[in-house]
């Protein structure tokens, strides 16, 4: 892949749960973090300040709404929000449910693993994903139905 190709311009970046005109919400396929979402700006921009004031407000409201849906559905001990873009310089926010027993807690999810994953805890969290999909779909935009793409 050449440096001029943007991964998030070329593909969705995960399971699309909600698609709006200006952004999409995806579920990240991460076995250790069921419920990990990204809010991805559809147009290729690198920084929040590349957006107009109205678009910044729209994006941040989406991030906060996704955070609320994750909190209410997944019941984490903490939510981590991050907008890094060092690896993929396309504006996106990470919304990550964190639990005291997750493999990295209290460190960031990309730090060294602190413990082994609890299979029963992960299974319980995976079981919450259908409810999370519905909660995010209720935020607006075009809900994505499995098999519709």
Protein backbone atom coordinates (compact mmCIF):
# COMPACT_ATOMS: atom_id res chain seq x y z
CA UNK A 1 0.00 0.00 0.00
CA UNK A 2 1.51 3.33 -0.98
CA UNK A 3 1.70 6.29 1.37
CA UNK A 4 -0.86 8.16 -0.76
CA UNK A 5 -3.61 5.58 -0.16
CA UNK A 6 -5.71 6.12 2.94
CA UNK A 7 -7.04 2.98 4.59
CA UNK A 8 -10.15 4.75 5.95
CA UNK A 9 -10.92 6.34 2.57
CA UNK A 10 -10.61 2.99 0.80
CA UNK A 11 -12.55 0.84 3.29
CA UNK A 12 -14.95 1.21 6.19
CA UNK A 13 -12.44 0.18 8.85
CA UNK A 14 -14.70 -2.31 10.61
CA UNK A 15 -18.33 -3.33 10.91
CA UNK A 16 -20.41 -0.26 10.06
CA UNK A 17 -23.18 0.13 12.64
CA UNK A 18 -24.29 3.61 11.60
CA UNK A 19 -23.60 5.59 8.46
CA UNK A 20 -24.42 9.27 8.19
CA UNK A 21 -23.64 11.79 5.47
CA UNK A 22 -20.48 13.03 7.20
CA UNK A 23 -19.37 10.20 9.49
CA UNK A 24 -19.78 6.53 10.25
CA UNK A 25 -19.64 4.50 13.45
CA UNK A 26 -17.90 1.16 13.29
CA UNK A 27 -17.38 -1.72 15.67
CA UNK A 28 -13.73 -2.68 15.80
CA UNK A 29 -12.87 -6.37 15.53
CA UNK A 30 -10.74 -6.67 18.69
CA UNK A 31 -11.15 -9.91 20.64
CA UNK A 32 -10.02 -8.25 23.89
CA UNK A 33 -12.35 -5.24 23.57
CA UNK A 34 -15.91 -6.11 22.54
CA UNK A 35 -17.76 -2.81 22.14
CA UNK A 36 -14.69 -0.88 20.93
CA UNK A 37 -16.06 1.66 18.45
CA UNK A 38 -14.63 4.25 16.13
CA UNK A 39 -16.35 7.36 14.87
CA UNK A 40 -14.80 7.97 11.46
CA UNK A 41 -15.17 11.20 9.49
CA UNK A 42 -16.08 10.20 5.93
CA UNK A 43 -14.10 12.88 4.08
CA UNK A 44 -10.32 12.68 4.24
CA UNK A 45 -9.09 15.21 6.78
CA UNK A 46 -6.29 14.79 9.30
CA UNK A 47 -7.30 17.00 12.24
CA UNK A 48 -10.47 18.17 13.95
CA UNK A 49 -9.42 21.75 13.21
CA UNK A 50 -9.62 20.96 9.49
CA UNK A 51 -13.40 20.93 9.95
CA UNK A 52 -15.77 23.89 10.12
CA UNK A 53 -17.16 24.80 13.55
CA UNK A 54 -20.46 23.14 12.68
CA UNK A 55 -18.76 19.95 11.52
CA UNK A 56 -16.57 19.89 14.65
CA UNK A 57 -19.72 20.13 16.77
CA UNK A 58 -21.41 17.39 14.71
CA UNK A 59 -18.41 15.08 15.09
CA UNK A 60 -17.97 15.65 18.82
CA UNK A 61 -21.69 15.17 19.45
CA UNK A 62 -21.44 11.85 17.61
CA UNK A 63 -18.45 10.83 19.77
CA UNK A 64 -20.32 11.71 22.96
CA UNK A 65 -23.47 9.89 21.81
CA UNK A 66 -21.47 6.77 20.98
CA UNK A 67 -19.74 7.03 24.36
CA UNK A 68 -23.13 7.20 26.06
CA UNK A 69 -24.44 4.20 24.08
CA UNK A 70 -21.32 2.19 25.00
CA UNK A 71 -21.58 3.19 28.67
CA UNK A 72 -25.25 2.32 28.95
CA UNK A 73 -25.00 -0.95 27.04
CA UNK A 74 -21.60 -2.36 27.92
CA UNK A 75 -21.43 -1.06 31.53
CA UNK A 76 -17.63 -0.53 31.54
CA UNK A 77 -15.66 0.72 34.52
CA UNK A 78 -14.24 3.50 32.32
CA UNK A 79 -14.38 4.79 28.75
CA UNK A 80 -11.23 5.78 26.89
CA UNK A 81 -11.58 8.36 24.12
CA UNK A 82 -8.70 8.98 21.75
CA UNK A 83 -8.03 10.67 18.45
CA UNK A 84 -4.52 9.74 17.44
CA UNK A 85 -4.17 9.17 13.72
CA UNK A 86 -0.45 8.46 13.85
CA UNK A 87 -0.82 5.21 11.91
CA UNK A 88 -3.82 6.27 9.79
CA UNK A 89 -3.85 10.05 9.26
CA UNK A 90 -7.61 10.19 8.70
CA UNK A 91 -9.79 11.81 11.34
CA UNK A 92 -11.34 9.21 13.63
CA UNK A 93 -12.10 8.85 17.32
CA UNK A 94 -11.70 5.68 19.36
CA UNK A 95 -14.41 4.94 21.96
CA UNK A 96 -13.10 2.07 24.07
CA UNK A 97 -14.93 0.41 26.97
CA UNK A 98 -12.47 -0.44 29.73
CA UNK A 99 -12.83 -2.87 32.59
CA UNK A 100 -10.66 -3.47 35.61
CA UNK A 101 -10.14 -7.06 34.42
CA UNK A 102 -9.29 -6.25 30.80
CA UNK A 103 -5.88 -7.39 29.57
CA UNK A 104 -4.26 -3.93 29.68
CA UNK A 105 -6.04 -2.12 32.54
CA UNK A 106 -5.10 0.41 33.85
CA UNK A 107 -2.71 1.05 30.95
CA UNK A 108 -3.73 2.06 27.40
CA UNK A 109 -5.01 -0.71 25.14
CA UNK A 110 -1.85 -0.53 23.02
CA UNK A 111 0.50 -0.94 26.03
CA UNK A 112 1.95 -4.21 27.29
CA UNK A 113 -0.62 -6.77 28.37
CA UNK A 114 -1.01 -6.93 32.18
CA UNK A 115 -2.96 -10.19 32.52
CA UNK A 116 -4.65 -12.97 30.57
CA UNK A 117 -8.16 -12.40 29.28
CA UNK A 118 -11.06 -13.90 31.19
CA UNK A 119 -13.01 -16.02 28.70
CA UNK A 120 -16.23 -15.71 30.72
CA UNK A 121 -15.95 -11.90 30.96
CA UNK A 122 -15.26 -11.60 27.23
CA UNK A 123 -18.19 -13.90 26.40
CA UNK A 124 -20.52 -11.80 28.55
CA UNK A 125 -19.34 -8.64 26.77
CA UNK A 126 -19.71 -10.18 23.31
CA UNK A 127 -23.29 -11.09 24.28
CA UNK A 128 -23.99 -7.35 24.77
CA UNK A 129 -22.99 -6.41 21.19
CA UNK A 130 -26.45 -6.84 19.60
CA UNK A 131 -27.86 -4.36 22.14
CA UNK A 132 -24.96 -1.98 21.44
CA UNK A 133 -25.60 -2.15 17.70
CA UNK A 134 -29.24 -1.20 18.30
CA UNK A 135 -28.32 1.63 20.69
CA UNK A 136 -25.92 3.13 18.16
CA UNK A 137 -28.38 2.68 15.29
CA UNK A 138 -30.92 4.74 17.26
CA UNK A 139 -28.55 7.73 17.14
CA UNK A 140 -29.67 8.58 13.62
CA UNK A 141 -28.32 8.30 10.13
CA UNK A 142 -28.82 5.14 8.13
CA UNK A 143 -28.73 2.08 10.39
CA UNK A 144 -26.79 -0.72 8.76
CA UNK A 145 -28.60 -4.06 8.75
CA UNK A 146 -26.47 -7.19 8.62
CA UNK A 147 -26.17 -8.37 5.03
CA UNK A 148 -27.41 -5.08 3.54
CA UNK A 149 -24.06 -4.01 2.14
